[in-house]
Amino acid sequence: MTRRAGGFTLVELAVGLLIISLLLGLLMVPLSTQLDQTRYAETQRHLDIAREAVIGFALATGRLPCPALGNVAITTAGAGLESCPGTEGVLPWATLGVPETDAWGRRLTYRVTASFADAPGAGTLSSFTLTQDGDITVTNGAMNIATLLPAVIVSHGKNGFGAFQQTGVQIAGAAGDEAENVNNTPVFVQRTHAPDFDDLVTWVSGNVLKTRMVAASRLP
């Protein structure tokens, strides 16, 4: 009786490598998903910090910050400083002392109602009054979620369509609801993530801002 020589045949090696490849592929999908979830969570924290910084700026100065220019490189003098007057650009990270980008390395879009970013008039402590409202609306694509907002902050998510990079170059490709978040109008979209939408949006509530301003004696 003939005994088989030790070791593996080429066919057996090929089958083994195929199985290992399939197993690695199955492992990579959850790892990729976990990485995406981590970046979304990190970006949401950045947005929360940015919102608090915007409100803190108002408590200190009596107005909301103007946007910074998005189309300037990080190496340019004055990059990240607010540029007044202006209503839409990127979050003025240098002025506020917050991170420049989201977890994907792109700048955050920032829009503010002009009357909330004006310098306070002579003898006043705030650029706006208790009865004044913002002009920004956030919808879910079908109905309004929040209205009369003074300011909104947007991360353009994993695909980054519409976001400015640290080089000052804007990423093209925004379409549909994502295009609504970069078309320089006071209407923004925040909805469930899908293949055609991965933006994250947060905003400054007028009621919260005014309550904080009253507590800080910036409003009567």
N, C-alpha and C. Protein backbone atom coordinates (compact mmCIF):
# COMPACT_ATOMS: atom_id res chain seq x y z
N MET A 1 0.85 -1.19 0.00
CA MET A 1 0.00 0.00 0.00
C MET A 1 0.89 1.25 0.00
N THR A 2 0.55 2.20 -0.94
CA THR A 2 1.36 3.41 -1.09
C THR A 2 0.94 4.46 -0.09
N ARG A 3 1.91 5.02 0.63
CA ARG A 3 1.61 6.08 1.61
C ARG A 3 1.85 7.44 0.97
N ARG A 4 0.94 8.39 1.32
CA ARG A 4 1.05 9.74 0.76
C ARG A 4 2.18 10.48 1.45
N ALA A 5 2.97 11.24 0.65
CA ALA A 5 4.07 12.02 1.21
C ALA A 5 3.52 13.15 2.07
N GLY A 6 4.27 13.55 3.10
CA GLY A 6 3.83 14.63 3.99
C GLY A 6 3.74 15.96 3.26
N GLY A 7 2.98 16.94 3.86
CA GLY A 7 2.84 18.27 3.27
C GLY A 7 1.51 18.43 2.55
N PHE A 8 1.33 19.61 1.93
CA PHE A 8 0.07 19.94 1.25
C PHE A 8 0.29 20.02 -0.24
N THR A 9 -0.75 19.65 -0.98
CA THR A 9 -0.70 19.82 -2.43
C THR A 9 -1.00 21.27 -2.76
N LEU A 10 -0.75 21.69 -3.99
CA LEU A 10 -1.04 23.06 -4.41
C LEU A 10 -2.53 23.36 -4.31
N VAL A 11 -3.35 22.38 -4.61
CA VAL A 11 -4.81 22.58 -4.53
C VAL A 11 -5.22 22.84 -3.09
N GLU A 12 -4.67 22.06 -2.17
CA GLU A 12 -5.00 22.23 -0.75
C GLU A 12 -4.54 23.60 -0.24
N LEU A 13 -3.34 24.03 -0.68
CA LEU A 13 -2.85 25.35 -0.28
C LEU A 13 -3.75 26.46 -0.81
N ALA A 14 -4.19 26.29 -2.06
CA ALA A 14 -5.05 27.30 -2.67
C ALA A 14 -6.38 27.40 -1.91
N VAL A 15 -6.94 26.24 -1.57
CA VAL A 15 -8.20 26.23 -0.83
C VAL A 15 -8.01 26.88 0.54
N GLY A 16 -6.89 26.56 1.19
CA GLY A 16 -6.61 27.14 2.51
C GLY A 16 -6.49 28.65 2.45
N LEU A 17 -5.76 29.15 1.43
CA LEU A 17 -5.61 30.60 1.27
C LEU A 17 -6.95 31.28 0.98
N LEU A 18 -7.81 30.59 0.21
CA LEU A 18 -9.13 31.14 -0.10
C LEU A 18 -9.96 31.28 1.18
N ILE A 19 -9.91 30.27 2.02
CA ILE A 19 -10.67 30.30 3.28
C ILE A 19 -10.17 31.43 4.17
N ILE A 20 -8.84 31.56 4.26
CA ILE A 20 -8.26 32.63 5.09
C ILE A 20 -8.66 34.00 4.56
N SER A 21 -8.66 34.15 3.24
CA SER A 21 -9.04 35.44 2.63
C SER A 21 -10.50 35.77 2.95
N LEU A 22 -11.36 34.75 2.87
CA LEU A 22 -12.77 34.97 3.17
C LEU A 22 -12.97 35.37 4.63
N LEU A 23 -12.24 34.71 5.53
CA LEU A 23 -12.35 35.04 6.95
C LEU A 23 -11.86 36.45 7.23
N LEU A 24 -10.74 36.84 6.60
CA LEU A 24 -10.22 38.19 6.78
C LEU A 24 -11.20 39.23 6.25
N GLY A 25 -11.85 38.91 5.12
CA GLY A 25 -12.83 39.82 4.56
C GLY A 25 -14.01 40.02 5.49
N LEU A 26 -14.45 38.94 6.13
CA LEU A 26 -15.56 39.03 7.08
C LEU A 26 -15.18 39.87 8.29
N LEU A 27 -13.91 39.79 8.69
CA LEU A 27 -13.46 40.57 9.84
C LEU A 27 -13.31 42.05 9.50
N MET A 28 -12.90 42.35 8.27
CA MET A 28 -12.64 43.73 7.89
C MET A 28 -13.92 44.56 7.86
N VAL A 29 -15.06 43.96 7.50
CA VAL A 29 -16.31 44.72 7.44
C VAL A 29 -16.70 45.29 8.79
N PRO A 30 -16.73 44.46 9.85
CA PRO A 30 -17.05 45.04 11.17
C PRO A 30 -16.02 46.06 11.63
N LEU A 31 -14.72 45.84 11.34
CA LEU A 31 -13.70 46.78 11.75
C LEU A 31 -13.90 48.13 11.06
N SER A 32 -14.25 48.09 9.78
CA SER A 32 -14.50 49.32 9.04
C SER A 32 -15.72 50.04 9.60
N THR A 33 -16.75 49.28 9.92
CA THR A 33 -17.96 49.87 10.50
C THR A 33 -17.67 50.50 11.84
N GLN A 34 -16.87 49.82 12.65
CA GLN A 34 -16.50 50.35 13.97
C GLN A 34 -15.72 51.66 13.83
N LEU A 35 -14.82 51.70 12.84
CA LEU A 35 -14.03 52.92 12.62
C LEU A 35 -14.94 54.08 12.22
N ASP A 36 -15.91 53.81 11.34
CA ASP A 36 -16.86 54.84 10.94
C ASP A 36 -17.65 55.34 12.14
N GLN A 37 -18.12 54.42 12.97
CA GLN A 37 -18.90 54.81 14.14
C GLN A 37 -18.08 55.66 15.10
N THR A 38 -16.80 55.29 15.25
CA THR A 38 -15.91 56.06 16.13
C THR A 38 -15.74 57.47 15.61
N ARG A 39 -15.55 57.60 14.29
CA ARG A 39 -15.35 58.93 13.70
C ARG A 39 -16.62 59.78 13.78
N TYR A 40 -17.77 59.15 13.59
CA TYR A 40 -19.02 59.90 13.73
C TYR A 40 -19.19 60.39 15.17
N ALA A 41 -18.88 59.53 16.13
CA ALA A 41 -19.02 59.92 17.54
C ALA A 41 -18.04 61.04 17.89
N GLU A 42 -16.81 60.94 17.38
CA GLU A 42 -15.81 61.96 17.63
C GLU A 42 -16.23 63.29 17.01
N THR A 43 -16.77 63.23 15.80
CA THR A 43 -17.22 64.44 15.13
C THR A 43 -18.39 65.07 15.87
N GLN A 44 -19.30 64.25 16.39
CA GLN A 44 -20.41 64.79 17.15
C GLN A 44 -19.91 65.52 18.40
N ARG A 45 -18.86 64.99 19.02
CA ARG A 45 -18.26 65.68 20.17
C ARG A 45 -17.67 67.02 19.74
N HIS A 46 -17.01 67.03 18.57
CA HIS A 46 -16.46 68.28 18.05
C HIS A 46 -17.57 69.31 17.82
N LEU A 47 -18.70 68.85 17.28
CA LEU A 47 -19.82 69.75 17.04
C LEU A 47 -20.39 70.30 18.34
N ASP A 48 -20.49 69.44 19.35
CA ASP A 48 -20.99 69.88 20.66
C ASP A 48 -20.05 70.93 21.27
N ILE A 49 -18.75 70.68 21.16
CA ILE A 49 -17.76 71.64 21.68
C ILE A 49 -17.86 72.95 20.91
N ALA A 50 -18.01 72.86 19.59
CA ALA A 50 -18.10 74.06 18.76
C ALA A 50 -19.33 74.87 19.14
N ARG A 51 -20.46 74.22 19.33
CA ARG A 51 -21.68 74.94 19.70
C ARG A 51 -21.50 75.69 21.02
N GLU A 52 -20.90 75.01 22.00
CA GLU A 52 -20.68 75.65 23.30
C GLU A 52 -19.69 76.82 23.17
N ALA A 53 -18.70 76.67 22.30
CA ALA A 53 -17.73 77.75 22.10
C ALA A 53 -18.39 78.96 21.45
N VAL A 54 -19.30 78.72 20.51
CA VAL A 54 -20.02 79.82 19.85
C VAL A 54 -20.87 80.57 20.89
N ILE A 55 -21.56 79.82 21.74
CA ILE A 55 -22.36 80.47 22.79
C ILE A 55 -21.46 81.20 23.78
N GLY A 56 -20.35 80.59 24.15
CA GLY A 56 -19.41 81.23 25.06
C GLY A 56 -18.87 82.53 24.50
N PHE A 57 -18.63 82.55 23.19
CA PHE A 57 -18.16 83.78 22.53
C PHE A 57 -19.22 84.88 22.68
N ALA A 58 -20.48 84.50 22.51
CA ALA A 58 -21.56 85.48 22.64
C ALA A 58 -21.66 86.01 24.07
N LEU A 59 -21.46 85.13 25.05
CA LEU A 59 -21.51 85.58 26.44
C LEU A 59 -20.39 86.57 26.74
N ALA A 60 -19.25 86.40 26.10
CA ALA A 60 -18.10 87.26 26.35
C ALA A 60 -18.15 88.57 25.57
N THR A 61 -18.73 88.54 24.37
CA THR A 61 -18.66 89.70 23.48
C THR A 61 -20.01 90.35 23.19
N GLY A 62 -21.10 89.67 23.48
CA GLY A 62 -22.42 90.21 23.18
C GLY A 62 -22.90 89.91 21.78
N ARG A 63 -22.19 89.08 21.05
CA ARG A 63 -22.60 88.72 19.69
C ARG A 63 -22.06 87.33 19.33
N LEU A 64 -22.63 86.74 18.31
CA LEU A 64 -22.10 85.48 17.81
C LEU A 64 -20.92 85.76 16.88
N PRO A 65 -19.99 84.82 16.75
CA PRO A 65 -18.85 85.05 15.86
C PRO A 65 -19.25 85.01 14.39
N CYS A 66 -18.53 85.76 13.58
CA CYS A 66 -18.68 85.66 12.12
C CYS A 66 -17.97 84.39 11.65
N PRO A 67 -18.30 83.89 10.47
CA PRO A 67 -17.58 82.74 9.92
C PRO A 67 -16.15 83.11 9.53
N ALA A 68 -15.29 82.10 9.43
CA ALA A 68 -13.96 82.27 8.84
C ALA A 68 -14.05 81.91 7.35
N LEU A 69 -13.08 82.36 6.58
CA LEU A 69 -13.03 81.99 5.17
C LEU A 69 -12.60 80.54 5.03
N GLY A 70 -13.33 79.79 4.23
CA GLY A 70 -12.99 78.37 4.05
C GLY A 70 -11.93 78.14 3.00
N ASN A 71 -11.82 79.05 2.05
CA ASN A 71 -10.95 78.84 0.88
C ASN A 71 -9.54 79.34 1.06
N VAL A 72 -9.04 79.31 2.30
CA VAL A 72 -7.64 79.68 2.55
C VAL A 72 -6.92 78.52 3.21
N ALA A 73 -5.68 78.33 2.85
CA ALA A 73 -4.90 77.22 3.41
C ALA A 73 -4.54 77.50 4.86
N ILE A 74 -4.31 76.42 5.60
CA ILE A 74 -3.98 76.53 7.01
C ILE A 74 -2.70 77.34 7.22
N THR A 75 -1.84 77.38 6.21
CA THR A 75 -0.58 78.11 6.31
C THR A 75 -0.73 79.61 6.06
N THR A 76 -1.93 80.04 5.65
CA THR A 76 -2.17 81.45 5.34
C THR A 76 -2.35 82.25 6.63
N ALA A 77 -1.74 83.42 6.70
CA ALA A 77 -1.91 84.28 7.87
C ALA A 77 -3.39 84.61 8.06
N GLY A 78 -3.87 84.46 9.28
CA GLY A 78 -5.27 84.77 9.58
C GLY A 78 -6.23 83.63 9.34
N ALA A 79 -5.74 82.48 8.90
CA ALA A 79 -6.62 81.33 8.69
C ALA A 79 -7.31 80.96 9.99
N GLY A 80 -8.60 80.75 9.92
CA GLY A 80 -9.36 80.34 11.10
C GLY A 80 -9.87 81.48 11.94
N LEU A 81 -9.54 82.71 11.59
CA LEU A 81 -10.05 83.87 12.32
C LEU A 81 -11.37 84.31 11.68
N GLU A 82 -12.29 84.81 12.50
CA GLU A 82 -13.56 85.26 11.94
C GLU A 82 -13.33 86.39 10.94
N SER A 83 -14.18 86.42 9.92
CA SER A 83 -14.08 87.42 8.86
C SER A 83 -15.42 88.15 8.78
N CYS A 84 -15.49 89.34 9.36
CA CYS A 84 -16.75 90.11 9.41
C CYS A 84 -16.73 91.22 8.36
N PRO A 85 -17.88 91.57 7.76
CA PRO A 85 -19.15 90.86 7.93
C PRO A 85 -19.18 89.60 7.07
N GLY A 86 -20.06 88.71 7.39
CA GLY A 86 -20.21 87.48 6.63
C GLY A 86 -21.21 86.59 7.33
N THR A 87 -21.93 85.78 6.56
CA THR A 87 -22.94 84.91 7.17
C THR A 87 -22.62 83.43 7.02
N GLU A 88 -21.86 83.04 6.00
CA GLU A 88 -21.56 81.61 5.84
C GLU A 88 -20.12 81.40 5.39
N GLY A 89 -19.48 80.45 6.00
CA GLY A 89 -18.11 80.07 5.69
C GLY A 89 -17.78 78.83 6.48
N VAL A 90 -16.67 78.86 7.20
CA VAL A 90 -16.34 77.73 8.07
C VAL A 90 -16.26 78.24 9.51
N LEU A 91 -16.36 77.31 10.43
CA LEU A 91 -16.27 77.68 11.84
C LEU A 91 -14.94 78.39 12.09
N PRO A 92 -14.95 79.56 12.74
CA PRO A 92 -13.70 80.27 13.00
C PRO A 92 -12.93 79.62 14.16
N TRP A 93 -12.27 78.52 13.85
CA TRP A 93 -11.67 77.70 14.90
C TRP A 93 -10.58 78.43 15.68
N ALA A 94 -9.81 79.27 14.99
CA ALA A 94 -8.74 79.99 15.68
C ALA A 94 -9.31 81.04 16.64
N THR A 95 -10.35 81.72 16.21
CA THR A 95 -11.00 82.70 17.08
C THR A 95 -11.59 82.04 18.31
N LEU A 96 -12.20 80.87 18.13
CA LEU A 96 -12.88 80.18 19.23
C LEU A 96 -11.97 79.27 20.05
N GLY A 97 -10.81 78.92 19.49
CA GLY A 97 -9.91 78.03 20.21
C GLY A 97 -10.41 76.60 20.26
N VAL A 98 -10.98 76.12 19.13
CA VAL A 98 -11.50 74.75 19.05
C VAL A 98 -10.81 74.04 17.89
N PRO A 99 -10.96 72.70 17.79
CA PRO A 99 -10.34 71.98 16.68
C PRO A 99 -10.80 72.51 15.33
N GLU A 100 -9.89 72.50 14.39
CA GLU A 100 -10.18 73.03 13.05
C GLU A 100 -11.12 72.14 12.27
N THR A 101 -10.98 70.83 12.41
CA THR A 101 -11.67 69.90 11.51
C THR A 101 -12.50 68.87 12.26
N ASP A 102 -13.30 68.14 11.50
CA ASP A 102 -14.00 66.99 12.04
C ASP A 102 -13.06 65.78 12.05
N ALA A 103 -13.57 64.60 12.36
CA ALA A 103 -12.73 63.42 12.48
C ALA A 103 -12.17 62.94 11.14
N TRP A 104 -12.68 63.49 10.05
CA TRP A 104 -12.17 63.13 8.72
C TRP A 104 -11.19 64.18 8.19
N GLY A 105 -10.87 65.18 9.00
CA GLY A 105 -9.90 66.18 8.60
C GLY A 105 -10.45 67.28 7.73
N ARG A 106 -11.78 67.51 7.79
CA ARG A 106 -12.38 68.59 6.99
C ARG A 106 -12.96 69.67 7.90
N ARG A 107 -12.96 70.88 7.42
CA ARG A 107 -13.47 72.00 8.21
C ARG A 107 -15.00 71.94 8.33
N LEU A 108 -15.50 72.55 9.39
CA LEU A 108 -16.94 72.57 9.66
C LEU A 108 -17.57 73.81 9.02
N THR A 109 -18.63 73.61 8.27
CA THR A 109 -19.38 74.74 7.73
C THR A 109 -20.12 75.43 8.86
N TYR A 110 -20.16 76.76 8.80
CA TYR A 110 -20.81 77.56 9.86
C TYR A 110 -21.59 78.69 9.22
N ARG A 111 -22.85 78.82 9.62
CA ARG A 111 -23.67 79.95 9.15
C ARG A 111 -24.27 80.65 10.37
N VAL A 112 -24.35 81.97 10.28
CA VAL A 112 -24.89 82.77 11.38
C VAL A 112 -25.86 83.80 10.81
N THR A 113 -26.90 84.12 11.56
CA THR A 113 -27.80 85.21 11.21
C THR A 113 -27.06 86.52 11.38
N ALA A 114 -27.07 87.36 10.34
CA ALA A 114 -26.24 88.57 10.33
C ALA A 114 -26.48 89.47 11.54
N SER A 115 -27.73 89.64 11.93
CA SER A 115 -28.04 90.56 13.03
C SER A 115 -27.53 90.06 14.37
N PHE A 116 -27.25 88.76 14.47
CA PHE A 116 -26.72 88.19 15.72
C PHE A 116 -25.19 88.30 15.78
N ALA A 117 -24.57 88.63 14.66
CA ALA A 117 -23.10 88.73 14.62
C ALA A 117 -22.62 90.16 14.50
N ASP A 118 -23.56 91.11 14.43
CA ASP A 118 -23.17 92.53 14.40
C ASP A 118 -22.57 92.94 15.73
N ALA A 119 -21.73 93.95 15.68
CA ALA A 119 -21.18 94.50 16.93
C ALA A 119 -22.30 95.17 17.72
N PRO A 120 -22.35 95.00 19.03
CA PRO A 120 -23.36 95.68 19.85
C PRO A 120 -23.30 97.18 19.65
N GLY A 121 -24.47 97.82 19.63
CA GLY A 121 -24.51 99.26 19.47
C GLY A 121 -24.03 99.98 20.71
N ALA A 122 -23.80 101.26 20.58
CA ALA A 122 -23.32 102.07 21.70
C ALA A 122 -24.30 101.98 22.88
N GLY A 123 -23.78 101.71 24.05
CA GLY A 123 -24.60 101.64 25.24
C GLY A 123 -25.36 100.34 25.41
N THR A 124 -25.13 99.35 24.53
CA THR A 124 -25.81 98.05 24.65
C THR A 124 -24.78 96.96 24.90
N LEU A 125 -25.25 95.86 25.48
CA LEU A 125 -24.37 94.74 25.80
C LEU A 125 -24.55 93.57 24.84
N SER A 126 -25.49 93.71 23.92
CA SER A 126 -25.75 92.61 22.98
C SER A 126 -26.14 93.16 21.62
N SER A 127 -25.80 92.42 20.57
CA SER A 127 -26.15 92.84 19.22
C SER A 127 -27.59 92.51 18.87
N PHE A 128 -28.27 91.74 19.72
CA PHE A 128 -29.65 91.35 19.46
C PHE A 128 -30.47 91.50 20.74
N THR A 129 -31.78 91.43 20.58
CA THR A 129 -32.68 91.61 21.72
C THR A 129 -33.42 90.31 22.02
N LEU A 130 -34.17 90.32 23.11
CA LEU A 130 -34.95 89.14 23.50
C LEU A 130 -36.03 88.79 22.48
N THR A 131 -36.50 89.79 21.76
CA THR A 131 -37.59 89.55 20.80
C THR A 131 -37.08 89.26 19.38
N GLN A 132 -35.79 89.29 19.21
CA GLN A 132 -35.21 89.07 17.88
C GLN A 132 -35.01 87.58 17.63
N ASP A 133 -35.24 87.15 16.39
CA ASP A 133 -35.08 85.74 16.03
C ASP A 133 -34.06 85.57 14.91
N GLY A 134 -33.49 84.37 14.85
CA GLY A 134 -32.61 84.04 13.75
C GLY A 134 -33.38 83.74 12.48
N ASP A 135 -32.65 83.54 11.38
CA ASP A 135 -33.31 83.31 10.09
C ASP A 135 -32.98 81.95 9.48
N ILE A 136 -32.43 81.05 10.30
CA ILE A 136 -31.98 79.74 9.78
C ILE A 136 -33.00 78.66 10.13
N THR A 137 -33.23 77.76 9.17
CA THR A 137 -34.16 76.63 9.35
C THR A 137 -33.43 75.33 9.10
N VAL A 138 -33.71 74.33 9.93
CA VAL A 138 -33.20 72.97 9.71
C VAL A 138 -34.39 72.05 9.45
N THR A 139 -34.34 71.30 8.36
CA THR A 139 -35.41 70.36 8.01
C THR A 139 -34.85 68.94 7.95
N ASN A 140 -35.74 67.98 7.84
CA ASN A 140 -35.31 66.59 7.62
C ASN A 140 -35.49 66.20 6.16
N GLY A 141 -35.67 67.21 5.32
CA GLY A 141 -35.90 66.97 3.91
C GLY A 141 -37.36 66.99 3.53
N ALA A 142 -38.23 66.85 4.55
CA ALA A 142 -39.66 66.84 4.31
C ALA A 142 -40.40 67.85 5.17
N MET A 143 -39.93 68.04 6.39
CA MET A 143 -40.58 68.98 7.31
C MET A 143 -39.54 69.65 8.19
N ASN A 144 -39.92 70.79 8.76
CA ASN A 144 -38.98 71.54 9.59
C ASN A 144 -38.74 70.83 10.93
N ILE A 145 -37.47 70.82 11.34
CA ILE A 145 -37.08 70.31 12.65
C ILE A 145 -36.90 71.46 13.63
N ALA A 146 -36.27 72.54 13.16
CA ALA A 146 -36.03 73.72 14.00
C ALA A 146 -36.06 74.95 13.11
N THR A 147 -36.60 76.05 13.64
CA THR A 147 -36.70 77.28 12.87
C THR A 147 -36.21 78.46 13.70
N LEU A 148 -36.04 79.60 13.04
CA LEU A 148 -35.65 80.85 13.70
C LEU A 148 -34.34 80.71 14.47
N LEU A 149 -33.41 79.95 13.90
CA LEU A 149 -32.13 79.67 14.57
C LEU A 149 -31.11 80.77 14.29
N PRO A 150 -30.33 81.15 15.29
CA PRO A 150 -29.27 82.14 15.07
C PRO A 150 -28.06 81.59 14.32
N ALA A 151 -27.74 80.30 14.52
CA ALA A 151 -26.52 79.75 13.91
C ALA A 151 -26.63 78.24 13.74
N VAL A 152 -25.88 77.71 12.78
CA VAL A 152 -25.85 76.27 12.53
C VAL A 152 -24.42 75.87 12.18
N ILE A 153 -24.06 74.64 12.54
CA ILE A 153 -22.71 74.11 12.28
C ILE A 153 -22.86 72.75 11.61
N VAL A 154 -22.08 72.49 10.56
CA VAL A 154 -22.23 71.27 9.78
C VAL A 154 -20.90 70.56 9.57
N SER A 155 -20.90 69.25 9.82
CA SER A 155 -19.81 68.39 9.33
C SER A 155 -20.34 67.68 8.10
N HIS A 156 -19.54 67.59 7.06
CA HIS A 156 -19.99 66.98 5.81
C HIS A 156 -19.70 65.48 5.75
N GLY A 157 -19.48 64.89 6.92
CA GLY A 157 -19.45 63.45 7.04
C GLY A 157 -18.29 62.75 6.35
N LYS A 158 -18.45 61.46 6.20
CA LYS A 158 -17.38 60.62 5.67
C LYS A 158 -17.02 60.98 4.23
N ASN A 159 -18.04 61.23 3.39
CA ASN A 159 -17.70 61.54 1.99
C ASN A 159 -17.14 62.95 1.83
N GLY A 160 -17.47 63.85 2.76
CA GLY A 160 -16.88 65.19 2.74
C GLY A 160 -17.36 66.10 1.64
N PHE A 161 -18.38 65.69 0.88
CA PHE A 161 -18.83 66.51 -0.25
C PHE A 161 -19.29 67.88 0.23
N GLY A 162 -18.68 68.92 -0.30
CA GLY A 162 -19.02 70.29 0.06
C GLY A 162 -18.13 70.90 1.12
N ALA A 163 -17.33 70.08 1.79
CA ALA A 163 -16.47 70.59 2.87
C ALA A 163 -15.20 71.21 2.33
N PHE A 164 -14.67 72.16 3.09
CA PHE A 164 -13.36 72.73 2.77
C PHE A 164 -12.28 71.93 3.49
N GLN A 165 -11.21 71.63 2.77
CA GLN A 165 -10.07 70.93 3.36
C GLN A 165 -9.10 71.95 3.95
N GLN A 166 -8.10 71.45 4.65
CA GLN A 166 -7.12 72.34 5.27
C GLN A 166 -6.29 73.09 4.23
N THR A 167 -6.30 72.61 3.00
CA THR A 167 -5.62 73.31 1.91
C THR A 167 -6.42 74.50 1.39
N GLY A 168 -7.68 74.60 1.82
CA GLY A 168 -8.55 75.64 1.31
C GLY A 168 -9.34 75.22 0.09
N VAL A 169 -9.18 73.98 -0.34
CA VAL A 169 -9.89 73.46 -1.51
C VAL A 169 -11.20 72.81 -1.05
N GLN A 170 -12.29 73.13 -1.73
CA GLN A 170 -13.58 72.56 -1.40
C GLN A 170 -13.79 71.27 -2.17
N ILE A 171 -14.31 70.26 -1.49
CA ILE A 171 -14.56 68.96 -2.12
C ILE A 171 -15.86 69.03 -2.91
N ALA A 172 -15.80 68.74 -4.19
CA ALA A 172 -16.99 68.77 -5.04
C ALA A 172 -17.81 67.50 -4.86
N GLY A 173 -19.01 67.50 -5.42
CA GLY A 173 -19.81 66.28 -5.44
C GLY A 173 -21.08 66.33 -4.62
N ALA A 174 -21.33 67.41 -3.87
CA ALA A 174 -22.55 67.48 -3.06
C ALA A 174 -23.77 67.51 -3.97
N ALA A 175 -24.76 66.68 -3.64
CA ALA A 175 -26.00 66.63 -4.42
C ALA A 175 -27.17 66.37 -3.48
N GLY A 176 -28.37 66.66 -3.96
CA GLY A 176 -29.56 66.39 -3.16
C GLY A 176 -29.55 67.16 -1.85
N ASP A 177 -29.87 66.46 -0.76
CA ASP A 177 -29.93 67.10 0.56
C ASP A 177 -28.56 67.58 1.02
N GLU A 178 -27.49 66.91 0.59
CA GLU A 178 -26.15 67.37 0.95
C GLU A 178 -25.83 68.70 0.28
N ALA A 179 -26.34 68.91 -0.91
CA ALA A 179 -26.14 70.18 -1.60
C ALA A 179 -26.85 71.31 -0.87
N GLU A 180 -27.96 70.99 -0.20
CA GLU A 180 -28.69 72.00 0.56
C GLU A 180 -27.84 72.58 1.68
N ASN A 181 -26.87 71.79 2.15
CA ASN A 181 -26.02 72.23 3.26
C ASN A 181 -24.79 73.03 2.81
N VAL A 182 -24.66 73.27 1.51
CA VAL A 182 -23.51 74.05 1.01
C VAL A 182 -23.90 75.09 -0.03
N ASN A 183 -25.21 75.37 -0.15
CA ASN A 183 -25.64 76.27 -1.22
C ASN A 183 -25.83 77.71 -0.78
N ASN A 184 -25.27 78.05 0.40
CA ASN A 184 -25.26 79.43 0.87
C ASN A 184 -26.67 80.01 1.04
N THR A 185 -27.60 79.20 1.54
CA THR A 185 -28.93 79.67 1.90
C THR A 185 -29.16 79.34 3.38
N PRO A 186 -30.16 79.93 4.02
CA PRO A 186 -30.39 79.68 5.45
C PRO A 186 -31.19 78.42 5.74
N VAL A 187 -31.28 77.50 4.79
CA VAL A 187 -31.99 76.24 4.99
C VAL A 187 -30.99 75.08 4.97
N PHE A 188 -31.04 74.25 6.02
CA PHE A 188 -30.12 73.12 6.13
C PHE A 188 -30.91 71.84 6.38
N VAL A 189 -30.28 70.71 6.06
CA VAL A 189 -30.94 69.41 6.20
C VAL A 189 -30.17 68.54 7.20
N GLN A 190 -30.91 67.94 8.11
CA GLN A 190 -30.37 66.92 9.02
C GLN A 190 -31.35 65.76 9.00
N ARG A 191 -30.89 64.61 8.53
CA ARG A 191 -31.78 63.44 8.48
C ARG A 191 -30.99 62.16 8.69
N THR A 192 -31.71 61.05 8.71
CA THR A 192 -31.07 59.75 8.90
C THR A 192 -30.02 59.51 7.83
N HIS A 193 -28.88 58.97 8.25
CA HIS A 193 -27.81 58.70 7.28
C HIS A 193 -28.21 57.60 6.31
N ALA A 194 -27.80 57.79 5.07
CA ALA A 194 -28.09 56.85 3.98
C ALA A 194 -26.95 56.97 2.98
N PRO A 195 -26.91 56.10 1.96
CA PRO A 195 -25.83 56.19 0.98
C PRO A 195 -25.69 57.57 0.34
N ASP A 196 -26.80 58.33 0.27
CA ASP A 196 -26.74 59.64 -0.36
C ASP A 196 -26.68 60.80 0.63
N PHE A 197 -26.53 60.50 1.94
CA PHE A 197 -26.49 61.58 2.92
C PHE A 197 -25.77 61.11 4.18
N ASP A 198 -24.66 61.81 4.52
CA ASP A 198 -23.94 61.43 5.76
C ASP A 198 -23.49 62.67 6.55
N ASP A 199 -24.14 63.81 6.31
CA ASP A 199 -23.79 65.03 7.05
C ASP A 199 -24.25 64.94 8.51
N LEU A 200 -23.58 65.69 9.37
CA LEU A 200 -24.01 65.86 10.76
C LEU A 200 -24.24 67.35 10.98
N VAL A 201 -25.37 67.69 11.57
CA VAL A 201 -25.75 69.10 11.74
C VAL A 201 -26.12 69.37 13.19
N THR A 202 -25.60 70.45 13.74
CA THR A 202 -26.03 70.93 15.05
C THR A 202 -26.30 72.42 14.94
N TRP A 203 -27.01 72.97 15.91
CA TRP A 203 -27.38 74.37 15.81
C TRP A 203 -27.45 75.02 17.18
N VAL A 204 -27.43 76.35 17.14
CA VAL A 204 -27.59 77.16 18.35
C VAL A 204 -29.06 77.54 18.44
N SER A 205 -29.73 77.10 19.49
CA SER A 205 -31.12 77.45 19.71
C SER A 205 -31.22 78.90 20.19
N GLY A 206 -32.15 79.64 19.60
CA GLY A 206 -32.34 81.02 20.03
C GLY A 206 -32.75 81.12 21.49
N ASN A 207 -33.63 80.23 21.92
CA ASN A 207 -34.08 80.26 23.31
C ASN A 207 -32.96 79.94 24.29
N VAL A 208 -32.15 78.95 23.95
CA VAL A 208 -31.02 78.60 24.82
C VAL A 208 -30.03 79.75 24.87
N LEU A 209 -29.72 80.32 23.71
CA LEU A 209 -28.77 81.44 23.66
C LEU A 209 -29.26 82.61 24.51
N LYS A 210 -30.52 82.98 24.35
CA LYS A 210 -31.05 84.12 25.09
C LYS A 210 -31.08 83.85 26.60
N THR A 211 -31.44 82.63 26.97
CA THR A 211 -31.45 82.27 28.39
C THR A 211 -30.05 82.41 29.00
N ARG A 212 -29.06 81.94 28.26
CA ARG A 212 -27.68 82.04 28.73
C ARG A 212 -27.22 83.51 28.78
N MET A 213 -27.66 84.30 27.81
CA MET A 213 -27.29 85.72 27.78
C MET A 213 -27.92 86.48 28.95
N VAL A 214 -29.17 86.15 29.27
CA VAL A 214 -29.82 86.77 30.42
C VAL A 214 -29.10 86.42 31.70
N ALA A 215 -28.73 85.14 31.84
CA ALA A 215 -28.02 84.70 33.05
C ALA A 215 -26.68 85.40 33.19
N ALA A 216 -26.07 85.76 32.05
CA ALA A 216 -24.77 86.44 32.08
C ALA A 216 -24.92 87.96 32.10
N SER A 217 -26.16 88.42 32.26
CA SER A 217 -26.45 89.86 32.28
C SER A 217 -26.09 90.56 30.99
N ARG A 218 -26.12 89.82 29.89
CA ARG A 218 -25.91 90.42 28.57
C ARG A 218 -27.23 90.89 27.95
N LEU A 219 -28.34 90.32 28.45
CA LEU A 219 -29.67 90.74 28.01
C LEU A 219 -30.49 91.06 29.27
N PRO A 220 -31.42 92.02 29.17
CA PRO A 220 -32.24 92.39 30.33
C PRO A 220 -33.23 91.29 30.69
